[in-house]
Amino acid sequence: MAKLKLGAIADDKPVKLTVELPAAVHRDLVAYADALAQETGQPINQPARLIAPILARFIASDRAFAKMRNVMKPQAPAEPAGPGTSTGRG
């Protein structure tokens, strides 16, 4: 059997969202949960818990998004000169 892209699911504090999925996507999510449970030996009682790690994995693997994100990062403002800092004037 091929190795799945997801591993064990981390236990993290969730943020609640309501999402509607097409029935075919839900069936695939349930099937993926079953396959992952067989591979990891960790039962997945709520296939919806896979949505966040799947999205995270997708976003992390999107190189174009990573490049765009780096371009969009705000630059840190320059630190003001503190007391005792030389300004070059004497």
C-alpha atoms as a PDB file:
ATOM      1  CA  MET A   1       0.000   0.000   0.000  1.00  0.00           C
ATOM      2  CA  ALA A   2       1.281   3.481  -0.840  1.00  0.00           C
ATOM      3  CA  LYS A   3       2.133   5.819   2.024  1.00  0.00           C
ATOM      4  CA  LEU A   4      -0.470   8.562   2.572  1.00  0.00           C
ATOM      5  CA  LYS A   5       0.574  12.213   2.634  1.00  0.00           C
ATOM      6  CA  LEU A   6      -0.916  12.817   6.075  1.00  0.00           C
ATOM      7  CA  GLY A   7       0.454  11.299   9.231  1.00  0.00           C
ATOM      8  CA  ALA A   8      -0.969  11.210  12.730  1.00  0.00           C
ATOM      9  CA  ILE A   9      -3.235  14.159  13.519  1.00  0.00           C
ATOM     10  CA  ALA A  10      -1.836  16.675  16.013  1.00  0.00           C
ATOM     11  CA  ASP A  11      -4.065  17.626  18.922  1.00  0.00           C
ATOM     12  CA  ASP A  12      -4.368  21.405  18.616  1.00  0.00           C
ATOM     13  CA  LYS A  13      -6.852  23.988  19.888  1.00  0.00           C
ATOM     14  CA  PRO A  14      -9.427  24.252  17.098  1.00  0.00           C
ATOM     15  CA  VAL A  15     -11.242  27.235  15.635  1.00  0.00           C
ATOM     16  CA  LYS A  16     -14.841  26.422  14.752  1.00  0.00           C
ATOM     17  CA  LEU A  17     -15.919  26.782  11.130  1.00  0.00           C
ATOM     18  CA  THR A  18     -18.997  25.599   9.323  1.00  0.00           C
ATOM     19  CA  VAL A  19     -18.227  24.149   5.915  1.00  0.00           C
ATOM     20  CA  GLU A  20     -20.488  22.550   3.333  1.00  0.00           C
ATOM     21  CA  LEU A  21     -18.889  19.806   1.280  1.00  0.00           C
ATOM     22  CA  PRO A  22     -20.192  18.111  -1.815  1.00  0.00           C
ATOM     23  CA  ALA A  23     -21.310  14.547  -1.026  1.00  0.00           C
ATOM     24  CA  ALA A  24     -18.526  13.076  -3.180  1.00  0.00           C
ATOM     25  CA  VAL A  25     -15.873  15.027  -1.239  1.00  0.00           C
ATOM     26  CA  HIS A  26     -17.377  13.856   2.057  1.00  0.00           C
ATOM     27  CA  ARG A  27     -17.296  10.238   0.873  1.00  0.00           C
ATOM     28  CA  ASP A  28     -13.640  10.678  -0.100  1.00  0.00           C
ATOM     29  CA  LEU A  29     -12.897  12.249   3.283  1.00  0.00           C
ATOM     30  CA  VAL A  30     -14.468   9.278   5.089  1.00  0.00           C
ATOM     31  CA  ALA A  31     -12.548   6.841   2.879  1.00  0.00           C
ATOM     32  CA  TYR A  32      -9.311   8.761   3.528  1.00  0.00           C
ATOM     33  CA  ALA A  33      -9.973   8.641   7.279  1.00  0.00           C
ATOM     34  CA  ASP A  34     -10.428   4.869   7.063  1.00  0.00           C
ATOM     35  CA  ALA A  35      -7.209   4.448   5.066  1.00  0.00           C
ATOM     36  CA  LEU A  36      -5.279   6.708   7.450  1.00  0.00           C
ATOM     37  CA  ALA A  37      -6.610   4.817  10.465  1.00  0.00           C
ATOM     38  CA  GLN A  38      -5.403   1.548   8.937  1.00  0.00           C
ATOM     39  CA  GLU A  39      -1.982   3.037   8.130  1.00  0.00           C
ATOM     40  CA  THR A  40      -1.337   4.763  11.463  1.00  0.00           C
ATOM     41  CA  GLY A  41      -3.279   2.475  13.780  1.00  0.00           C
ATOM     42  CA  GLN A  42      -4.959   5.618  15.156  1.00  0.00           C
ATOM     43  CA  PRO A  43      -8.754   5.455  14.788  1.00  0.00           C
ATOM     44  CA  ILE A  44     -10.321   8.586  13.328  1.00  0.00           C
ATOM     45  CA  ASN A  45     -13.831   8.888  14.727  1.00  0.00           C
ATOM     46  CA  GLN A  46     -14.510  12.252  13.115  1.00  0.00           C
ATOM     47  CA  PRO A  47     -13.304  12.451   9.497  1.00  0.00           C
ATOM     48  CA  ALA A  48     -13.931  16.226   9.632  1.00  0.00           C
ATOM     49  CA  ARG A  49     -10.786  16.445  11.794  1.00  0.00           C
ATOM     50  CA  LEU A  50      -8.806  15.677   8.637  1.00  0.00           C
ATOM     51  CA  ILE A  51      -9.910  18.853   6.878  1.00  0.00           C
ATOM     52  CA  ALA A  52      -7.468  21.137   8.723  1.00  0.00           C
ATOM     53  CA  PRO A  53      -4.365  18.954   8.219  1.00  0.00           C
ATOM     54  CA  ILE A  54      -5.278  18.374   4.574  1.00  0.00           C
ATOM     55  CA  LEU A  55      -5.656  22.130   4.010  1.00  0.00           C
ATOM     56  CA  ALA A  56      -2.434  22.847   5.904  1.00  0.00           C
ATOM     57  CA  ARG A  57      -0.559  20.280   3.817  1.00  0.00           C
ATOM     58  CA  PHE A  58      -2.004  21.700   0.603  1.00  0.00           C
ATOM     59  CA  ILE A  59      -1.105  25.281   1.527  1.00  0.00           C
ATOM     60  CA  ALA A  60       2.408  24.297   2.680  1.00  0.00           C
ATOM     61  CA  SER A  61       3.071  22.544  -0.633  1.00  0.00           C
ATOM     62  CA  ASP A  62       1.877  25.427  -2.837  1.00  0.00           C
ATOM     63  CA  ARG A  63       5.113  27.099  -3.945  1.00  0.00           C
ATOM     64  CA  ALA A  64       3.382  29.975  -5.716  1.00  0.00           C
ATOM     65  CA  PHE A  65       1.490  30.811  -2.526  1.00  0.00           C
ATOM     66  CA  ALA A  66       4.707  30.653  -0.474  1.00  0.00           C
ATOM     67  CA  LYS A  67       6.393  33.120  -2.838  1.00  0.00           C
ATOM     68  CA  MET A  68       3.377  35.439  -2.791  1.00  0.00           C
ATOM     69  CA  ARG A  69       3.192  35.242   1.007  1.00  0.00           C
ATOM     70  CA  ASN A  70       6.860  36.246   1.318  1.00  0.00           C
ATOM     71  CA  VAL A  71       6.295  39.232  -0.963  1.00  0.00           C
ATOM     72  CA  MET A  72       3.199  40.287   1.015  1.00  0.00           C
ATOM     73  CA  LYS A  73       4.871  40.061   4.456  1.00  0.00           C
ATOM     74  CA  PRO A  74       4.991  43.492   6.064  1.00  0.00           C
ATOM     75  CA  GLN A  75       8.509  44.730   6.668  1.00  0.00           C
ATOM     76  CA  ALA A  76       9.455  45.364  10.290  1.00  0.00           C
ATOM     77  CA  PRO A  77       9.850  49.089  10.971  1.00  0.00           C
ATOM     78  CA  ALA A  78      13.363  50.348  11.602  1.00  0.00           C
ATOM     79  CA  GLU A  79      14.171  50.625  15.288  1.00  0.00           C
ATOM     80  CA  PRO A  80      14.600  54.218  16.508  1.00  0.00           C
ATOM     81  CA  ALA A  81      18.000  55.147  17.824  1.00  0.00           C
ATOM     82  CA  GLY A  82      18.042  54.806  21.597  1.00  0.00           C
ATOM     83  CA  PRO A  83      19.972  56.850  24.179  1.00  0.00           C
ATOM     84  CA  GLY A  84      23.698  56.551  23.861  1.00  0.00           C
ATOM     85  CA  THR A  85      23.490  55.621  20.195  1.00  0.00           C
ATOM     86  CA  SER A  86      26.060  57.360  18.084  1.00  0.00           C
ATOM     87  CA  THR A  87      24.574  59.382  15.234  1.00  0.00           C
ATOM     88  CA  GLY A  88      27.907  60.145  13.650  1.00  0.00           C
ATOM     89  CA  ARG A  89      27.743  63.807  14.702  1.00  0.00           C
ATOM     90  CA  GLY A  90      30.246  64.992  17.182  1.00  0.00           C
END
